[in-house]
């Protein structure tokens, strides 16, 4: 069983992520290149890999870095610097969050991913 991790963030950080998700709901994923997305969904993942990344703290650190800071280019560079497995987990988490966001905030026009 995977437990939920809590990462605190400020109201400003929340609003920045809201804009990123709103953009993603329209089909524009500003944090990731198309190659990163293809790589992430081309990999096989197990719950054990996710648990490992949670246990060693690297996943929480990466998410905290992405939630913090204001500069989009810095976030993109940080993602590019991550090991592919960790980056792929973050991308899959982003799309899972995006799916939930899209169900609540119906984009117009329909986004194709």
PDB file of N, CA and C in Angstrom:
ATOM      1  N   UNK A   1       0.833  -1.178   0.000  1.00  0.00           N
ATOM      2  CA  UNK A   1       0.000   0.000   0.000  1.00  0.00           C
ATOM      3  C   UNK A   1       0.882   1.247   0.000  1.00  0.00           C
ATOM      4  N   UNK A   2       0.548   2.221  -0.827  1.00  0.00           N
ATOM      5  CA  UNK A   2       1.319   3.451  -0.917  1.00  0.00           C
ATOM      6  C   UNK A   2       0.632   4.502  -0.052  1.00  0.00           C
ATOM      7  N   UNK A   3       1.416   5.142   0.814  1.00  0.00           N
ATOM      8  CA  UNK A   3       0.853   6.182   1.659  1.00  0.00           C
ATOM      9  C   UNK A   3       0.988   7.521   0.964  1.00  0.00           C
ATOM     10  N   UNK A   4       0.147   8.453   1.344  1.00  0.00           N
ATOM     11  CA  UNK A   4       0.190   9.784   0.745  1.00  0.00           C
ATOM     12  C   UNK A   4       1.237  10.630   1.460  1.00  0.00           C
ATOM     13  N   UNK A   5       2.016  11.344   0.666  1.00  0.00           N
ATOM     14  CA  UNK A   5       3.010  12.260   1.215  1.00  0.00           C
ATOM     15  C   UNK A   5       2.413  13.661   1.236  1.00  0.00           C
ATOM     16  N   UNK A   6       2.718  14.409   2.261  1.00  0.00           N
ATOM     17  CA  UNK A   6       2.230  15.774   2.376  1.00  0.00           C
ATOM     18  C   UNK A   6       3.392  16.726   2.154  1.00  0.00           C
ATOM     19  N   UNK A   7       3.201  17.640   1.210  1.00  0.00           N
ATOM     20  CA  UNK A   7       4.223  18.641   0.919  1.00  0.00           C
ATOM     21  C   UNK A   7       3.568  20.005   1.074  1.00  0.00           C
ATOM     22  N   UNK A   8       3.972  20.766   2.096  1.00  0.00           N
ATOM     23  CA  UNK A   8       3.352  22.073   2.297  1.00  0.00           C
ATOM     24  C   UNK A   8       3.789  23.068   1.226  1.00  0.00           C
ATOM     25  N   UNK A   9       2.873  23.944   0.832  1.00  0.00           N
ATOM     26  CA  UNK A   9       3.224  24.995  -0.110  1.00  0.00           C
ATOM     27  C   UNK A   9       2.382  26.222   0.182  1.00  0.00           C
ATOM     28  N   UNK A  10       2.875  27.367  -0.295  1.00  0.00           N
ATOM     29  CA  UNK A  10       2.224  28.641  -0.007  1.00  0.00           C
ATOM     30  C   UNK A  10       1.055  28.873  -0.963  1.00  0.00           C
ATOM     31  N   UNK A  11       0.276  29.872  -0.657  1.00  0.00           N
ATOM     32  CA  UNK A  11      -0.857  30.241  -1.510  1.00  0.00           C
ATOM     33  C   UNK A  11      -0.369  30.655  -2.901  1.00  0.00           C
ATOM     34  N   UNK A  12       0.741  31.372  -2.962  1.00  0.00           N
ATOM     35  CA  UNK A  12       1.306  31.794  -4.248  1.00  0.00           C
ATOM     36  C   UNK A  12       1.748  30.590  -5.070  1.00  0.00           C
ATOM     37  N   UNK A  13       2.383  29.617  -4.407  1.00  0.00           N
ATOM     38  CA  UNK A  13       2.794  28.401  -5.109  1.00  0.00           C
ATOM     39  C   UNK A  13       1.570  27.641  -5.628  1.00  0.00           C
ATOM     40  N   UNK A  14       0.527  27.598  -4.831  1.00  0.00           N
ATOM     41  CA  UNK A  14      -0.720  26.952  -5.258  1.00  0.00           C
ATOM     42  C   UNK A  14      -1.259  27.632  -6.519  1.00  0.00           C
ATOM     43  N   UNK A  15      -1.276  28.952  -6.538  1.00  0.00           N
ATOM     44  CA  UNK A  15      -1.790  29.679  -7.698  1.00  0.00           C
ATOM     45  C   UNK A  15      -0.926  29.450  -8.937  1.00  0.00           C
ATOM     46  N   UNK A  16       0.391  29.367  -8.756  1.00  0.00           N
ATOM     47  CA  UNK A  16       1.262  29.064  -9.886  1.00  0.00           C
ATOM     48  C   UNK A  16       0.934  27.687 -10.447  1.00  0.00           C
ATOM     49  N   UNK A  17       0.736  26.699  -9.580  1.00  0.00           N
ATOM     50  CA  UNK A  17       0.400  25.349 -10.045  1.00  0.00           C
ATOM     51  C   UNK A  17      -0.986  25.295 -10.663  1.00  0.00           C
ATOM     52  N   UNK A  18      -1.888  26.093 -10.168  1.00  0.00           N
ATOM     53  CA  UNK A  18      -3.217  26.164 -10.784  1.00  0.00           C
ATOM     54  C   UNK A  18      -3.079  26.618 -12.238  1.00  0.00           C
ATOM     55  N   UNK A  19      -2.243  27.618 -12.497  1.00  0.00           N
ATOM     56  CA  UNK A  19      -2.020  28.098 -13.868  1.00  0.00           C
ATOM     57  C   UNK A  19      -1.349  27.027 -14.729  1.00  0.00           C
ATOM     58  N   UNK A  20      -0.395  26.297 -14.145  1.00  0.00           N
ATOM     59  CA  UNK A  20       0.271  25.220 -14.882  1.00  0.00           C
ATOM     60  C   UNK A  20      -0.738  24.133 -15.247  1.00  0.00           C
ATOM     61  N   UNK A  21      -1.606  23.777 -14.308  1.00  0.00           N
ATOM     62  CA  UNK A  21      -2.615  22.749 -14.580  1.00  0.00           C
ATOM     63  C   UNK A  21      -3.664  23.242 -15.572  1.00  0.00           C
ATOM     64  N   UNK A  22      -4.036  24.495 -15.467  1.00  0.00           N
ATOM     65  CA  UNK A  22      -5.005  25.046 -16.419  1.00  0.00           C
ATOM     66  C   UNK A  22      -4.420  25.002 -17.834  1.00  0.00           C
ATOM     67  N   UNK A  23      -3.153  25.311 -17.965  1.00  0.00           N
ATOM     68  CA  UNK A  23      -2.471  25.218 -19.251  1.00  0.00           C
ATOM     69  C   UNK A  23      -2.422  23.762 -19.718  1.00  0.00           C
ATOM     70  N   UNK A  24      -2.114  22.857 -18.807  1.00  0.00           N
ATOM     71  CA  UNK A  24      -2.071  21.439 -19.137  1.00  0.00           C
ATOM     72  C   UNK A  24      -3.426  20.907 -19.579  1.00  0.00           C
ATOM     73  N   UNK A  25      -4.489  21.421 -18.976  1.00  0.00           N
ATOM     74  CA  UNK A  25      -5.844  20.984 -19.357  1.00  0.00           C
ATOM     75  C   UNK A  25      -6.166  21.387 -20.791  1.00  0.00           C
ATOM     76  N   UNK A  26      -5.481  22.401 -21.296  1.00  0.00           N
ATOM     77  CA  UNK A  26      -5.661  22.823 -22.691  1.00  0.00           C
ATOM     78  C   UNK A  26      -4.685  22.109 -23.626  1.00  0.00           C
ATOM     79  N   UNK A  27      -3.858  21.211 -23.052  1.00  0.00           N
ATOM     80  CA  UNK A  27      -2.942  20.424 -23.876  1.00  0.00           C
ATOM     81  C   UNK A  27      -1.530  20.958 -23.952  1.00  0.00           C
ATOM     82  N   UNK A  28      -1.225  22.012 -23.218  1.00  0.00           N
ATOM     83  CA  UNK A  28       0.125  22.586 -23.207  1.00  0.00           C
ATOM     84  C   UNK A  28       0.780  22.249 -21.872  1.00  0.00           C
ATOM     85  N   UNK A  29       1.808  21.420 -21.916  1.00  0.00           N
ATOM     86  CA  UNK A  29       2.485  20.969 -20.695  1.00  0.00           C
ATOM     87  C   UNK A  29       3.823  21.693 -20.597  1.00  0.00           C
ATOM     88  N   UNK A  30       3.818  22.817 -19.905  1.00  0.00           N
ATOM     89  CA  UNK A  30       4.948  23.747 -19.914  1.00  0.00           C
ATOM     90  C   UNK A  30       6.195  23.230 -19.196  1.00  0.00           C
ATOM     91  N   UNK A  31       6.044  22.259 -18.325  1.00  0.00           N
ATOM     92  CA  UNK A  31       7.200  21.781 -17.569  1.00  0.00           C
ATOM     93  C   UNK A  31       7.998  20.700 -18.296  1.00  0.00           C
ATOM     94  N   UNK A  32       7.368  20.016 -19.231  1.00  0.00           N
ATOM     95  CA  UNK A  32       7.968  18.834 -19.825  1.00  0.00           C
ATOM     96  C   UNK A  32       8.069  18.942 -21.336  1.00  0.00           C
ATOM     97  N   UNK A  33       9.110  18.342 -21.881  1.00  0.00           N
ATOM     98  CA  UNK A  33       9.207  18.233 -23.330  1.00  0.00           C
ATOM     99  C   UNK A  33       8.384  17.022 -23.764  1.00  0.00           C
ATOM    100  N   UNK A  34       8.065  16.973 -25.048  1.00  0.00           N
ATOM    101  CA  UNK A  34       7.348  15.808 -25.577  1.00  0.00           C
ATOM    102  C   UNK A  34       8.158  14.531 -25.375  1.00  0.00           C
ATOM    103  N   UNK A  35       9.475  14.631 -25.510  1.00  0.00           N
ATOM    104  CA  UNK A  35      10.335  13.467 -25.328  1.00  0.00           C
ATOM    105  C   UNK A  35      10.266  12.949 -23.893  1.00  0.00           C
ATOM    106  N   UNK A  36      10.248  13.863 -22.924  1.00  0.00           N
ATOM    107  CA  UNK A  36      10.143  13.457 -21.514  1.00  0.00           C
ATOM    108  C   UNK A  36       8.830  12.711 -21.273  1.00  0.00           C
ATOM    109  N   UNK A  37       7.757  13.218 -21.844  1.00  0.00           N
ATOM    110  CA  UNK A  37       6.440  12.608 -21.649  1.00  0.00           C
ATOM    111  C   UNK A  37       6.407  11.218 -22.298  1.00  0.00           C
ATOM    112  N   UNK A  38       6.915  11.115 -23.522  1.00  0.00           N
ATOM    113  CA  UNK A  38       6.949   9.811 -24.198  1.00  0.00           C
ATOM    114  C   UNK A  38       7.788   8.808 -23.400  1.00  0.00           C
ATOM    115  N   UNK A  39       8.926   9.254 -22.904  1.00  0.00           N
ATOM    116  CA  UNK A  39       9.790   8.379 -22.113  1.00  0.00           C
ATOM    117  C   UNK A  39       9.067   7.912 -20.848  1.00  0.00           C
ATOM    118  N   UNK A  40       8.400   8.819 -20.160  1.00  0.00           N
ATOM    119  CA  UNK A  40       7.714   8.485 -18.911  1.00  0.00           C
ATOM    120  C   UNK A  40       6.646   7.422 -19.121  1.00  0.00           C
ATOM    121  N   UNK A  41       5.886   7.558 -20.196  1.00  0.00           N
ATOM    122  CA  UNK A  41       4.805   6.611 -20.430  1.00  0.00           C
ATOM    123  C   UNK A  41       5.273   5.366 -21.173  1.00  0.00           C
ATOM    124  N   UNK A  42       6.510   5.375 -21.615  1.00  0.00           N
ATOM    125  CA  UNK A  42       7.084   4.187 -22.240  1.00  0.00           C
ATOM    126  C   UNK A  42       7.754   3.258 -21.239  1.00  0.00           C
ATOM    127  N   UNK A  43       7.872   3.697 -20.006  1.00  0.00           N
ATOM    128  CA  UNK A  43       8.526   2.902 -18.956  1.00  0.00           C
ATOM    129  C   UNK A  43       7.500   2.076 -18.179  1.00  0.00           C
ATOM    130  N   UNK A  44       7.941   0.914 -17.706  1.00  0.00           N
ATOM    131  CA  UNK A  44       7.118   0.107 -16.808  1.00  0.00           C
ATOM    132  C   UNK A  44       7.473   0.490 -15.376  1.00  0.00           C
ATOM    133  N   UNK A  45       6.457   0.655 -14.560  1.00  0.00           N
ATOM    134  CA  UNK A  45       6.683   1.012 -13.161  1.00  0.00           C
ATOM    135  C   UNK A  45       6.013   0.009 -12.251  1.00  0.00           C
ATOM    136  N   UNK A  46       6.602  -0.157 -11.103  1.00  0.00           N
ATOM    137  CA  UNK A  46       6.003  -1.006 -10.083  1.00  0.00           C
ATOM    138  C   UNK A  46       5.766  -0.153  -8.840  1.00  0.00           C
ATOM    139  N   UNK A  47       4.876  -0.626  -7.999  1.00  0.00           N
ATOM    140  CA  UNK A  47       4.669   0.056  -6.722  1.00  0.00           C
ATOM    141  C   UNK A  47       5.965   0.080  -5.919  1.00  0.00           C
ATOM    142  N   UNK A  48       6.780  -0.957  -6.084  1.00  0.00           N
ATOM    143  CA  UNK A  48       8.039  -1.030  -5.339  1.00  0.00           C
ATOM    144  C   UNK A  48       8.987   0.106  -5.721  1.00  0.00           C
ATOM    145  N   UNK A  49       9.050   0.452  -6.993  1.00  0.00           N
ATOM    146  CA  UNK A  49       9.897   1.568  -7.427  1.00  0.00           C
ATOM    147  C   UNK A  49       9.423   2.871  -6.798  1.00  0.00           C
ATOM    148  N   UNK A  50       8.131   3.088  -6.803  1.00  0.00           N
ATOM    149  CA  UNK A  50       7.577   4.298  -6.194  1.00  0.00           C
ATOM    150  C   UNK A  50       7.865   4.323  -4.692  1.00  0.00           C
ATOM    151  N   UNK A  51       7.688   3.209  -4.025  1.00  0.00           N
ATOM    152  CA  UNK A  51       7.979   3.129  -2.588  1.00  0.00           C
ATOM    153  C   UNK A  51       9.454   3.431  -2.316  1.00  0.00           C
ATOM    154  N   UNK A  52      10.334   2.900  -3.175  1.00  0.00           N
ATOM    155  CA  UNK A  52      11.766   3.145  -3.021  1.00  0.00           C
ATOM    156  C   UNK A  52      12.077   4.637  -3.099  1.00  0.00           C
ATOM    157  N   UNK A  53      11.490   5.318  -4.093  1.00  0.00           N
ATOM    158  CA  UNK A  53      11.741   6.750  -4.266  1.00  0.00           C
ATOM    159  C   UNK A  53      11.150   7.554  -3.113  1.00  0.00           C
ATOM    160  N   UNK A  54      10.050   7.079  -2.554  1.00  0.00           N
ATOM    161  CA  UNK A  54       9.481   7.751  -1.378  1.00  0.00           C
ATOM    162  C   UNK A  54      10.346   7.516  -0.148  1.00  0.00           C
ATOM    163  N   UNK A  55      10.839   6.276   0.014  1.00  0.00           N
ATOM    164  CA  UNK A  55      11.663   5.950   1.180  1.00  0.00           C
ATOM    165  C   UNK A  55      12.950   6.746   1.212  1.00  0.00           C
ATOM    166  N   UNK A  56      13.599   6.901   0.069  1.00  0.00           N
ATOM    167  CA  UNK A  56      14.895   7.584   0.084  1.00  0.00           C
ATOM    168  C   UNK A  56      14.757   9.112   0.076  1.00  0.00           C
ATOM    169  N   UNK A  57      13.535   9.610  -0.036  1.00  0.00           N
ATOM    170  CA  UNK A  57      13.288  11.052   0.077  1.00  0.00           C
ATOM    171  C   UNK A  57      13.495  11.843  -1.200  1.00  0.00           C
ATOM    172  N   UNK A  58      14.000  11.207  -2.257  1.00  0.00           N
ATOM    173  CA  UNK A  58      14.277  11.959  -3.490  1.00  0.00           C
ATOM    174  C   UNK A  58      13.004  12.465  -4.161  1.00  0.00           C
ATOM    175  N   UNK A  59      11.936  11.688  -4.102  1.00  0.00           N
ATOM    176  CA  UNK A  59      10.690  12.110  -4.725  1.00  0.00           C
ATOM    177  C   UNK A  59      10.118  13.333  -4.009  1.00  0.00           C
ATOM    178  N   UNK A  60      10.083  13.287  -2.681  1.00  0.00           N
ATOM    179  CA  UNK A  60       9.578  14.433  -1.926  1.00  0.00           C
ATOM    180  C   UNK A  60      10.412  15.682  -2.173  1.00  0.00           C
ATOM    181  N   UNK A  61      11.737  15.504  -2.222  1.00  0.00           N
ATOM    182  CA  UNK A  61      12.618  16.649  -2.472  1.00  0.00           C
ATOM    183  C   UNK A  61      12.333  17.240  -3.844  1.00  0.00           C
ATOM    184  N   UNK A  62      12.203  16.384  -4.844  1.00  0.00           N
ATOM    185  CA  UNK A  62      11.963  16.862  -6.211  1.00  0.00           C
ATOM    186  C   UNK A  62      10.631  17.606  -6.300  1.00  0.00           C
ATOM    187  N   UNK A  63       9.605  17.074  -5.677  1.00  0.00           N
ATOM    188  CA  UNK A  63       8.294  17.732  -5.709  1.00  0.00           C
ATOM    189  C   UNK A  63       8.354  19.064  -4.973  1.00  0.00           C
ATOM    190  N   UNK A  64       9.042  19.090  -3.842  1.00  0.00           N
ATOM    191  CA  UNK A  64       9.176  20.344  -3.093  1.00  0.00           C
ATOM    192  C   UNK A  64       9.895  21.401  -3.924  1.00  0.00           C
ATOM    193  N   UNK A  65      10.939  20.999  -4.650  1.00  0.00           N
ATOM    194  CA  UNK A  65      11.658  21.950  -5.510  1.00  0.00           C
ATOM    195  C   UNK A  65      10.726  22.471  -6.593  1.00  0.00           C
ATOM    196  N   UNK A  66       9.941  21.582  -7.192  1.00  0.00           N
ATOM    197  CA  UNK A  66       9.032  21.996  -8.262  1.00  0.00           C
ATOM    198  C   UNK A  66       7.908  22.893  -7.755  1.00  0.00           C
ATOM    199  N   UNK A  67       7.430  22.655  -6.542  1.00  0.00           N
ATOM    200  CA  UNK A  67       6.389  23.523  -5.998  1.00  0.00           C
ATOM    201  C   UNK A  67       6.958  24.861  -5.568  1.00  0.00           C
ATOM    202  N   UNK A  68       8.190  24.867  -5.096  1.00  0.00           N
ATOM    203  CA  UNK A  68       8.818  26.112  -4.681  1.00  0.00           C
ATOM    204  C   UNK A  68       9.355  26.876  -5.879  1.00  0.00           C
ATOM    205  N   UNK A  69       9.782  28.068  -5.626  1.00  0.00           N
ATOM    206  CA  UNK A  69      10.381  28.870  -6.691  1.00  0.00           C
ATOM    207  C   UNK A  69       9.362  29.379  -7.688  1.00  0.00           C
ATOM    208  N   UNK A  70       9.702  30.478  -8.304  1.00  0.00           N
ATOM    209  CA  UNK A  70       8.776  31.126  -9.220  1.00  0.00           C
ATOM    210  C   UNK A  70       9.142  30.933 -10.674  1.00  0.00           C
ATOM    211  N   UNK A  71      10.389  30.644 -10.956  1.00  0.00           N
ATOM    212  CA  UNK A  71      10.885  30.657 -12.319  1.00  0.00           C
ATOM    213  C   UNK A  71      10.590  29.342 -13.049  1.00  0.00           C
ATOM    214  N   UNK A  72       9.806  29.424 -14.093  1.00  0.00           N
ATOM    215  CA  UNK A  72       9.421  28.257 -14.877  1.00  0.00           C
ATOM    216  C   UNK A  72      10.629  27.615 -15.556  1.00  0.00           C
ATOM    217  N   UNK A  73      11.552  28.420 -16.045  1.00  0.00           N
ATOM    218  CA  UNK A  73      12.753  27.894 -16.705  1.00  0.00           C
ATOM    219  C   UNK A  73      13.595  27.093 -15.715  1.00  0.00           C
ATOM    220  N   UNK A  74      13.691  27.557 -14.480  1.00  0.00           N
ATOM    221  CA  UNK A  74      14.427  26.813 -13.451  1.00  0.00           C
ATOM    222  C   UNK A  74      13.765  25.467 -13.183  1.00  0.00           C
ATOM    223  N   UNK A  75      12.430  25.436 -13.136  1.00  0.00           N
ATOM    224  CA  UNK A  75      11.712  24.181 -12.920  1.00  0.00           C
ATOM    225  C   UNK A  75      11.985  23.218 -14.075  1.00  0.00           C
ATOM    226  N   UNK A  76      11.959  23.731 -15.304  1.00  0.00           N
ATOM    227  CA  UNK A  76      12.226  22.899 -16.472  1.00  0.00           C
ATOM    228  C   UNK A  76      13.652  22.349 -16.424  1.00  0.00           C
ATOM    229  N   UNK A  77      14.618  23.196 -16.090  1.00  0.00           N
ATOM    230  CA  UNK A  77      16.018  22.758 -16.007  1.00  0.00           C
ATOM    231  C   UNK A  77      16.199  21.720 -14.911  1.00  0.00           C
ATOM    232  N   UNK A  78      15.533  21.936 -13.788  1.00  0.00           N
ATOM    233  CA  UNK A  78      15.624  20.982 -12.683  1.00  0.00           C
ATOM    234  C   UNK A  78      15.094  19.619 -13.124  1.00  0.00           C
ATOM    235  N   UNK A  79      13.948  19.609 -13.791  1.00  0.00           N
ATOM    236  CA  UNK A  79      13.376  18.350 -14.275  1.00  0.00           C
ATOM    237  C   UNK A  79      14.327  17.643 -15.237  1.00  0.00           C
ATOM    238  N   UNK A  80      14.958  18.399 -16.118  1.00  0.00           N
ATOM    239  CA  UNK A  80      15.909  17.805 -17.066  1.00  0.00           C
ATOM    240  C   UNK A  80      17.103  17.189 -16.352  1.00  0.00           C
ATOM    241  N   UNK A  81      17.454  17.717 -15.176  1.00  0.00           N
ATOM    242  CA  UNK A  81      18.622  17.226 -14.444  1.00  0.00           C
ATOM    243  C   UNK A  81      18.334  15.960 -13.639  1.00  0.00           C
ATOM    244  N   UNK A  82      17.073  15.607 -13.460  1.00  0.00           N
ATOM    245  CA  UNK A  82      16.720  14.445 -12.650  1.00  0.00           C
ATOM    246  C   UNK A  82      17.018  13.146 -13.395  1.00  0.00           C
ATOM    247  N   UNK A  83      17.264  12.106 -12.622  1.00  0.00           N
ATOM    248  CA  UNK A  83      17.418  10.783 -13.231  1.00  0.00           C
ATOM    249  C   UNK A  83      16.108  10.414 -13.920  1.00  0.00           C
ATOM    250  N   UNK A  84      16.183   9.735 -15.057  1.00  0.00           N
ATOM    251  CA  UNK A  84      14.977   9.454 -15.848  1.00  0.00           C
ATOM    252  C   UNK A  84      13.854   8.755 -15.082  1.00  0.00           C
ATOM    253  N   UNK A  85      14.184   7.809 -14.208  1.00  0.00           N
ATOM    254  CA  UNK A  85      13.126   7.114 -13.448  1.00  0.00           C
ATOM    255  C   UNK A  85      12.352   8.084 -12.559  1.00  0.00           C
ATOM    256  N   UNK A  86      13.077   8.939 -11.849  1.00  0.00           N
ATOM    257  CA  UNK A  86      12.440   9.892 -10.949  1.00  0.00           C
ATOM    258  C   UNK A  86      11.616  10.912 -11.742  1.00  0.00           C
ATOM    259  N   UNK A  87      12.177  11.425 -12.817  1.00  0.00           N
ATOM    260  CA  UNK A  87      11.459  12.376 -13.665  1.00  0.00           C
ATOM    261  C   UNK A  87      10.177  11.739 -14.218  1.00  0.00           C
ATOM    262  N   UNK A  88      10.269  10.482 -14.606  1.00  0.00           N
ATOM    263  CA  UNK A  88       9.105   9.790 -15.156  1.00  0.00           C
ATOM    264  C   UNK A  88       8.004   9.620 -14.113  1.00  0.00           C
ATOM    265  N   UNK A  89       8.379   9.336 -12.879  1.00  0.00           N
ATOM    266  CA  UNK A  89       7.386   9.238 -11.809  1.00  0.00           C
ATOM    267  C   UNK A  89       6.688  10.582 -11.637  1.00  0.00           C
ATOM    268  N   UNK A  90       7.453  11.657 -11.635  1.00  0.00           N
ATOM    269  CA  UNK A  90       6.875  12.995 -11.469  1.00  0.00           C
ATOM    270  C   UNK A  90       5.938  13.317 -12.626  1.00  0.00           C
ATOM    271  N   UNK A  91       6.322  12.970 -13.837  1.00  0.00           N
ATOM    272  CA  UNK A  91       5.469  13.235 -14.994  1.00  0.00           C
ATOM    273  C   UNK A  91       4.170  12.456 -14.883  1.00  0.00           C
ATOM    274  N   UNK A  92       4.245  11.200 -14.498  1.00  0.00           N
ATOM    275  CA  UNK A  92       3.023  10.407 -14.337  1.00  0.00           C
ATOM    276  C   UNK A  92       2.145  10.966 -13.221  1.00  0.00           C
ATOM    277  N   UNK A  93       2.765  11.440 -12.147  1.00  0.00           N
ATOM    278  CA  UNK A  93       1.992  12.058 -11.064  1.00  0.00           C
ATOM    279  C   UNK A  93       1.307  13.329 -11.566  1.00  0.00           C
ATOM    280  N   UNK A  94       2.022  14.105 -12.360  1.00  0.00           N
ATOM    281  CA  UNK A  94       1.463  15.328 -12.930  1.00  0.00           C
ATOM    282  C   UNK A  94       0.224  15.010 -13.767  1.00  0.00           C
ATOM    283  N   UNK A  95       0.320  14.000 -14.634  1.00  0.00           N
ATOM    284  CA  UNK A  95      -0.825  13.667 -15.482  1.00  0.00           C
ATOM    285  C   UNK A  95      -1.989  13.104 -14.678  1.00  0.00           C
ATOM    286  N   UNK A  96      -1.700  12.402 -13.602  1.00  0.00           N
ATOM    287  CA  UNK A  96      -2.765  11.927 -12.718  1.00  0.00           C
ATOM    288  C   UNK A  96      -3.469  13.119 -12.068  1.00  0.00           C
ATOM    289  N   UNK A  97      -2.675  14.062 -11.591  1.00  0.00           N
ATOM    290  CA  UNK A  97      -3.232  15.283 -11.006  1.00  0.00           C
ATOM    291  C   UNK A  97      -3.997  16.081 -12.059  1.00  0.00           C
ATOM    292  N   UNK A  98      -3.456  16.142 -13.255  1.00  0.00           N
ATOM    293  CA  UNK A  98      -4.111  16.857 -14.348  1.00  0.00           C
ATOM    294  C   UNK A  98      -5.464  16.235 -14.690  1.00  0.00           C
ATOM    295  N   UNK A  99      -5.544  14.919 -14.682  1.00  0.00           N
ATOM    296  CA  UNK A  99      -6.823  14.249 -14.941  1.00  0.00           C
ATOM    297  C   UNK A  99      -7.858  14.640 -13.898  1.00  0.00           C
ATOM    298  N   UNK A 100      -7.459  14.652 -12.632  1.00  0.00           N
ATOM    299  CA  UNK A 100      -8.380  15.048 -11.564  1.00  0.00           C
ATOM    300  C   UNK A 100      -8.779  16.514 -11.719  1.00  0.00           C
ATOM    301  N   UNK A 101      -7.808  17.358 -12.023  1.00  0.00           N
ATOM    302  CA  UNK A 101      -8.066  18.779 -12.216  1.00  0.00           C
ATOM    303  C   UNK A 101      -9.038  18.995 -13.376  1.00  0.00           C
ATOM    304  N   UNK A 102      -8.815  18.277 -14.483  1.00  0.00           N
ATOM    305  CA  UNK A 102      -9.641  18.445 -15.678  1.00  0.00           C
ATOM    306  C   UNK A 102     -11.085  18.035 -15.437  1.00  0.00           C
ATOM    307  N   UNK A 103     -11.288  17.020 -14.615  1.00  0.00           N
ATOM    308  CA  UNK A 103     -12.655  16.603 -14.299  1.00  0.00           C
ATOM    309  C   UNK A 103     -13.407  17.688 -13.543  1.00  0.00           C
ATOM    310  N   UNK A 104     -12.689  18.456 -12.739  1.00  0.00           N
ATOM    311  CA  UNK A 104     -13.321  19.517 -11.944  1.00  0.00           C
ATOM    312  C   UNK A 104     -13.415  20.833 -12.687  1.00  0.00           C
ATOM    313  N   UNK A 105     -12.476  21.093 -13.567  1.00  0.00           N
ATOM    314  CA  UNK A 105     -12.412  22.358 -14.313  1.00  0.00           C
ATOM    315  C   UNK A 105     -12.446  22.028 -15.795  1.00  0.00           C
ATOM    316  N   UNK A 106     -13.605  21.820 -16.314  1.00  0.00           N
ATOM    317  CA  UNK A 106     -13.755  21.394 -17.711  1.00  0.00           C
ATOM    318  C   UNK A 106     -13.102  22.394 -18.649  1.00  0.00           C
ATOM    319  N   UNK A 107     -12.029  21.962 -19.363  1.00  0.00           N
ATOM    320  CA  UNK A 107     -11.370  22.873 -20.295  1.00  0.00           C
ATOM    321  C   UNK A 107     -12.205  23.079 -21.551  1.00  0.00           C
ATOM    322  N   UNK A 108     -12.001  24.176 -22.176  1.00  0.00           N
ATOM    323  CA  UNK A 108     -12.671  24.447 -23.433  1.00  0.00           C
ATOM    324  C   UNK A 108     -11.653  25.062 -24.377  1.00  0.00           C
ATOM    325  N   UNK A 109     -11.452  24.558 -25.545  1.00  0.00           N
ATOM    326  CA  UNK A 109     -12.049  23.346 -26.110  1.00  0.00           C
ATOM    327  C   UNK A 109     -11.424  22.099 -25.500  1.00  0.00           C
ATOM    328  N   UNK A 110     -11.960  20.923 -25.898  1.00  0.00           N
ATOM    329  CA  UNK A 110     -11.468  19.659 -25.380  1.00  0.00           C
ATOM    330  C   UNK A 110      -9.975  19.523 -25.684  1.00  0.00           C
ATOM    331  N   UNK A 111      -9.209  19.098 -24.682  1.00  0.00           N
ATOM    332  CA  UNK A 111      -7.762  18.935 -24.844  1.00  0.00           C
ATOM    333  C   UNK A 111      -7.455  17.506 -25.267  1.00  0.00           C
ATOM    334  N   UNK A 112      -6.535  17.370 -26.185  1.00  0.00           N
ATOM    335  CA  UNK A 112      -6.063  16.064 -26.601  1.00  0.00           C
ATOM    336  C   UNK A 112      -4.638  15.895 -26.109  1.00  0.00           C
ATOM    337  N   UNK A 113      -4.349  14.784 -25.445  1.00  0.00           N
ATOM    338  CA  UNK A 113      -3.004  14.524 -24.917  1.00  0.00           C
ATOM    339  C   UNK A 113      -2.382  13.417 -25.701  1.00  0.00           C
TER     340      UNK A 113
END
